[in-house]
């Protein structure tokens, strides 16, 4: 079980107030949080487990001797290191390394394949050879489809961002800072949520019926 010291330390690391922790837990009240932290109540194992799960989902891990730290692989940032460095290729390499160990469907959002250089297409082909399927949410009206049409769905008209996002394995990645940085979150709960968001758009989105690019064999 986690201790009152670990709870206070974890809140400080995340810059969470006691109210924020109570809100994240849902089933634990603010007065209970306060009493636990001052040692005036012996909380139940189920309550402490809930609090521990909330902190772990936020990227922390608890150690012996009342220790707590950020989980090493929770957050990864890939940055452009210089002229000619394509950070999206680094993302594709991470996708390959992830699904090559455990093939799974990869979900791309806000993509424009007309902008993809040959190196990106080559990485996608490598990923496909792992046995992993792909689907894409694209700008409404786009016709630049390199793969079978049933892998594509239009985003709602007027709703397109120039920051691609990808869900793969237990990871969610997003491009930021004008394509100069990729933020990768390694968390199964976040990945599961993002997959559900993708499926909602996919279910109600319009599907394309033709392409201006010859489908790759």
Protein backbone atom coordinates (compact mmCIF):
# COMPACT_ATOMS: atom_id res chain seq x y z
CA UNK A 1 0.00 0.00 0.00
CA UNK A 2 1.09 3.57 -0.54
CA UNK A 3 1.74 5.84 2.41
CA UNK A 4 0.62 9.37 3.27
CA UNK A 5 4.16 10.53 2.49
CA UNK A 6 4.00 9.02 -1.00
CA UNK A 7 0.59 10.55 -1.65
CA UNK A 8 1.80 14.03 -0.74
CA UNK A 9 5.01 13.56 -2.75
CA UNK A 10 3.09 12.31 -5.79
CA UNK A 11 0.74 15.31 -5.67
CA UNK A 12 3.70 17.66 -5.49
CA UNK A 13 5.39 16.00 -8.47
CA UNK A 14 2.25 16.41 -10.58
CA UNK A 15 1.48 19.84 -9.14
CA UNK A 16 -1.95 18.58 -8.07
CA UNK A 17 -4.01 20.08 -5.28
CA UNK A 18 -5.89 17.83 -2.86
CA UNK A 19 -9.07 18.80 -4.72
CA UNK A 20 -7.51 17.77 -8.03
CA UNK A 21 -6.62 14.35 -6.60
CA UNK A 22 -10.14 13.91 -5.24
CA UNK A 23 -11.59 14.86 -8.65
CA UNK A 24 -9.32 12.38 -10.45
CA UNK A 25 -10.26 9.60 -8.02
CA UNK A 26 -13.96 10.30 -8.31
CA UNK A 27 -14.92 8.02 -5.44
CA UNK A 28 -12.64 9.60 -2.81
CA UNK A 29 -13.78 12.85 -1.21
CA UNK A 30 -11.63 15.89 -0.46
CA UNK A 31 -12.09 15.50 3.33
CA UNK A 32 -10.90 11.89 3.06
CA UNK A 33 -7.78 12.95 1.15
CA UNK A 34 -7.01 15.54 3.81
CA UNK A 35 -7.43 13.05 6.65
CA UNK A 36 -5.26 10.44 4.93
CA UNK A 37 -2.43 12.92 4.40
CA UNK A 38 -2.35 14.03 8.04
CA UNK A 39 -2.63 10.46 9.28
CA UNK A 40 -5.93 10.92 11.09
CA UNK A 41 -7.70 8.09 9.32
CA UNK A 42 -6.71 4.54 8.42
CA UNK A 43 -8.01 4.30 4.89
CA UNK A 44 -9.27 1.06 3.39
CA UNK A 45 -7.07 -0.94 0.99
CA UNK A 46 -9.55 -0.28 -1.82
CA UNK A 47 -9.28 3.50 -1.35
CA UNK A 48 -5.49 3.43 -1.27
CA UNK A 49 -5.44 1.20 -4.34
CA UNK A 50 -7.68 3.65 -6.19
CA UNK A 51 -5.42 6.57 -5.29
CA UNK A 52 -2.36 4.56 -6.34
CA UNK A 53 -3.97 3.65 -9.69
CA UNK A 54 -4.77 7.32 -10.39
CA UNK A 55 -1.18 8.35 -9.80
CA UNK A 56 0.19 5.49 -11.89
CA UNK A 57 -2.13 6.41 -14.77
CA UNK A 58 -0.66 9.91 -14.55
CA UNK A 59 2.83 8.50 -15.16
CA UNK A 60 4.22 7.85 -11.68
CA UNK A 61 5.50 4.67 -10.10
CA UNK A 62 5.89 3.86 -6.42
CA UNK A 63 9.10 2.44 -4.95
CA UNK A 64 10.11 0.71 -1.73
CA UNK A 65 11.03 2.87 1.27
CA UNK A 66 8.19 5.29 0.51
CA UNK A 67 9.71 6.39 -2.80
CA UNK A 68 7.94 7.71 -5.89
CA UNK A 69 9.22 8.76 -9.31
CA UNK A 70 8.10 9.43 -12.86
CA UNK A 71 7.82 6.26 -14.92
CA UNK A 72 10.78 6.24 -17.30
CA UNK A 73 8.88 5.35 -20.45
CA UNK A 74 5.66 7.28 -19.85
CA UNK A 75 6.62 10.31 -21.93
CA UNK A 76 9.01 10.46 -24.88
CA UNK A 77 9.80 13.60 -26.86
CA UNK A 78 11.42 13.36 -30.29
CA UNK A 79 12.83 16.65 -31.58
CA UNK A 80 14.28 17.88 -34.83
CA UNK A 81 18.05 18.07 -34.32
CA UNK A 82 19.06 20.03 -37.38
CA UNK A 83 18.50 20.86 -41.04
CA UNK A 84 17.37 17.80 -42.97
CA UNK A 85 16.30 15.93 -39.85
CA UNK A 86 12.73 14.66 -40.39
CA UNK A 87 11.24 14.04 -36.97
CA UNK A 88 8.26 12.17 -38.45
CA UNK A 89 10.69 9.47 -39.60
CA UNK A 90 11.73 9.02 -35.98
CA UNK A 91 8.08 8.52 -35.10
CA UNK A 92 7.68 5.94 -37.87
CA UNK A 93 10.76 4.12 -36.55
CA UNK A 94 9.20 3.98 -33.08
CA UNK A 95 5.95 2.70 -34.57
CA UNK A 96 7.88 -0.04 -36.36
CA UNK A 97 9.80 -1.05 -33.24
CA UNK A 98 6.58 -1.16 -31.23
CA UNK A 99 4.39 -3.19 -33.58
CA UNK A 100 7.23 -5.42 -34.80
CA UNK A 101 7.23 -6.98 -31.32
CA UNK A 102 3.44 -7.18 -31.12
CA UNK A 103 1.52 -6.41 -34.35
CA UNK A 104 -1.58 -4.28 -33.82
CA UNK A 105 -3.71 -1.84 -35.77
CA UNK A 106 -2.27 1.65 -36.24
CA UNK A 107 -4.67 4.59 -36.39
CA UNK A 108 -3.54 7.81 -38.10
CA UNK A 109 -5.48 11.07 -37.76
CA UNK A 110 -5.04 14.38 -39.61
CA UNK A 111 -2.75 12.96 -42.28
CA UNK A 112 -2.07 14.18 -45.81
CA UNK A 113 -0.22 11.55 -47.82
CA UNK A 114 0.46 14.00 -50.63
CA UNK A 115 3.04 15.55 -48.26
CA UNK A 116 4.74 12.25 -47.40
CA UNK A 117 8.26 11.90 -48.83
CA UNK A 118 9.45 8.53 -50.12
CA UNK A 119 11.23 7.85 -46.83
CA UNK A 120 7.93 8.01 -44.93
CA UNK A 121 6.20 5.76 -47.45
CA UNK A 122 9.08 3.28 -47.14
CA UNK A 123 8.63 3.26 -43.35
CA UNK A 124 4.91 2.60 -43.77
CA UNK A 125 5.71 -0.35 -45.99
CA UNK A 126 8.06 -1.72 -43.34
CA UNK A 127 5.33 -1.39 -40.75
CA UNK A 128 2.80 -3.15 -42.99
CA UNK A 129 5.17 -6.10 -43.33
CA UNK A 130 4.86 -6.69 -39.57
CA UNK A 131 1.25 -7.72 -40.19
CA UNK A 132 -0.13 -4.55 -38.63
CA UNK A 133 -3.22 -3.01 -40.24
CA UNK A 134 -3.63 0.74 -40.75
CA UNK A 135 -6.50 3.19 -40.98
CA UNK A 136 -6.45 6.91 -41.71
CA UNK A 137 -8.66 9.92 -40.90
CA UNK A 138 -8.02 12.51 -43.60
CA UNK A 139 -9.10 15.98 -44.67
CA UNK A 140 -12.53 16.06 -46.29
CA UNK A 141 -12.20 16.02 -50.07
CA UNK A 142 -8.66 14.64 -50.08
CA UNK A 143 -8.02 12.08 -52.85
CA UNK A 144 -4.35 11.24 -52.21
CA UNK A 145 -4.75 7.62 -51.12
CA UNK A 146 -1.85 5.21 -51.53
CA UNK A 147 -3.63 2.22 -50.04
CA UNK A 148 -7.05 0.53 -50.32
CA UNK A 149 -9.94 2.97 -49.98
CA UNK A 150 -11.44 1.00 -47.09
CA UNK A 151 -8.51 2.17 -44.97
CA UNK A 152 -9.61 5.81 -45.21
CA UNK A 153 -12.34 7.98 -43.75
CA UNK A 154 -12.98 11.70 -44.09
CA UNK A 155 -12.91 13.99 -41.09
CA UNK A 156 -15.96 16.29 -40.83
CA UNK A 157 -15.82 19.28 -43.17
CA UNK A 158 -13.89 22.17 -41.67
CA UNK A 159 -12.31 19.99 -38.98
CA UNK A 160 -8.71 19.35 -39.95
CA UNK A 161 -5.50 20.03 -38.05
CA UNK A 162 -2.00 20.14 -39.49
CA UNK A 163 -0.72 18.14 -36.53
CA UNK A 164 -0.93 14.39 -37.26
CA UNK A 165 -1.74 12.01 -34.41
CA UNK A 166 -1.13 8.27 -34.24
CA UNK A 167 -2.32 5.50 -31.93
CA UNK A 168 -0.19 2.34 -31.93
CA UNK A 169 0.22 -0.36 -29.34
CA UNK A 170 -0.21 1.30 -25.94
CA UNK A 171 1.05 4.62 -27.29
CA UNK A 172 -0.47 7.88 -28.48
CA UNK A 173 1.76 10.26 -30.46
CA UNK A 174 1.15 13.78 -31.74
CA UNK A 175 3.14 16.21 -33.85
CA UNK A 176 3.62 19.67 -32.32
CA UNK A 177 5.64 22.84 -32.87
CA UNK A 178 5.28 22.93 -36.63
CA UNK A 179 6.46 19.36 -37.26
CA UNK A 180 9.63 19.89 -35.24
CA UNK A 181 8.61 17.79 -32.26
CA UNK A 182 6.73 14.55 -31.54
CA UNK A 183 5.27 13.85 -28.11
CA UNK A 184 4.68 10.15 -27.38
CA UNK A 185 2.62 9.06 -24.38
CA UNK A 186 3.03 5.41 -23.41
CA UNK A 187 -0.11 4.58 -21.46
CA UNK A 188 -2.69 1.88 -22.25
CA UNK A 189 -5.62 3.87 -20.84
CA UNK A 190 -4.83 6.92 -22.95
CA UNK A 191 -4.28 4.77 -26.04
CA UNK A 192 -7.59 3.00 -25.41
CA UNK A 193 -9.41 6.35 -25.11
CA UNK A 194 -7.85 7.65 -28.32
CA UNK A 195 -8.85 4.47 -30.14
CA UNK A 196 -12.45 4.99 -29.02
CA UNK A 197 -12.37 8.61 -30.24
CA UNK A 198 -11.06 7.40 -33.60
CA UNK A 199 -13.81 4.77 -33.87
CA UNK A 200 -16.56 7.35 -33.20
CA UNK A 201 -15.34 9.53 -36.07
CA UNK A 202 -14.86 6.46 -38.27
CA UNK A 203 -18.37 5.16 -37.64
CA UNK A 204 -20.10 8.37 -38.70
CA UNK A 205 -17.57 9.73 -41.17
CA UNK A 206 -17.94 9.78 -44.94
CA UNK A 207 -15.85 7.25 -46.83
CA UNK A 208 -14.00 8.16 -50.06
CA UNK A 209 -14.92 6.41 -53.30
CA UNK A 210 -11.88 7.17 -55.50
CA UNK A 211 -8.21 8.11 -55.39
CA UNK A 212 -5.88 10.23 -57.48
CA UNK A 213 -2.94 7.96 -56.60
CA UNK A 214 -2.52 4.48 -57.94
CA UNK A 215 -2.87 1.99 -55.12
CA UNK A 216 0.41 0.37 -54.08
CA UNK A 217 0.65 -3.33 -54.78
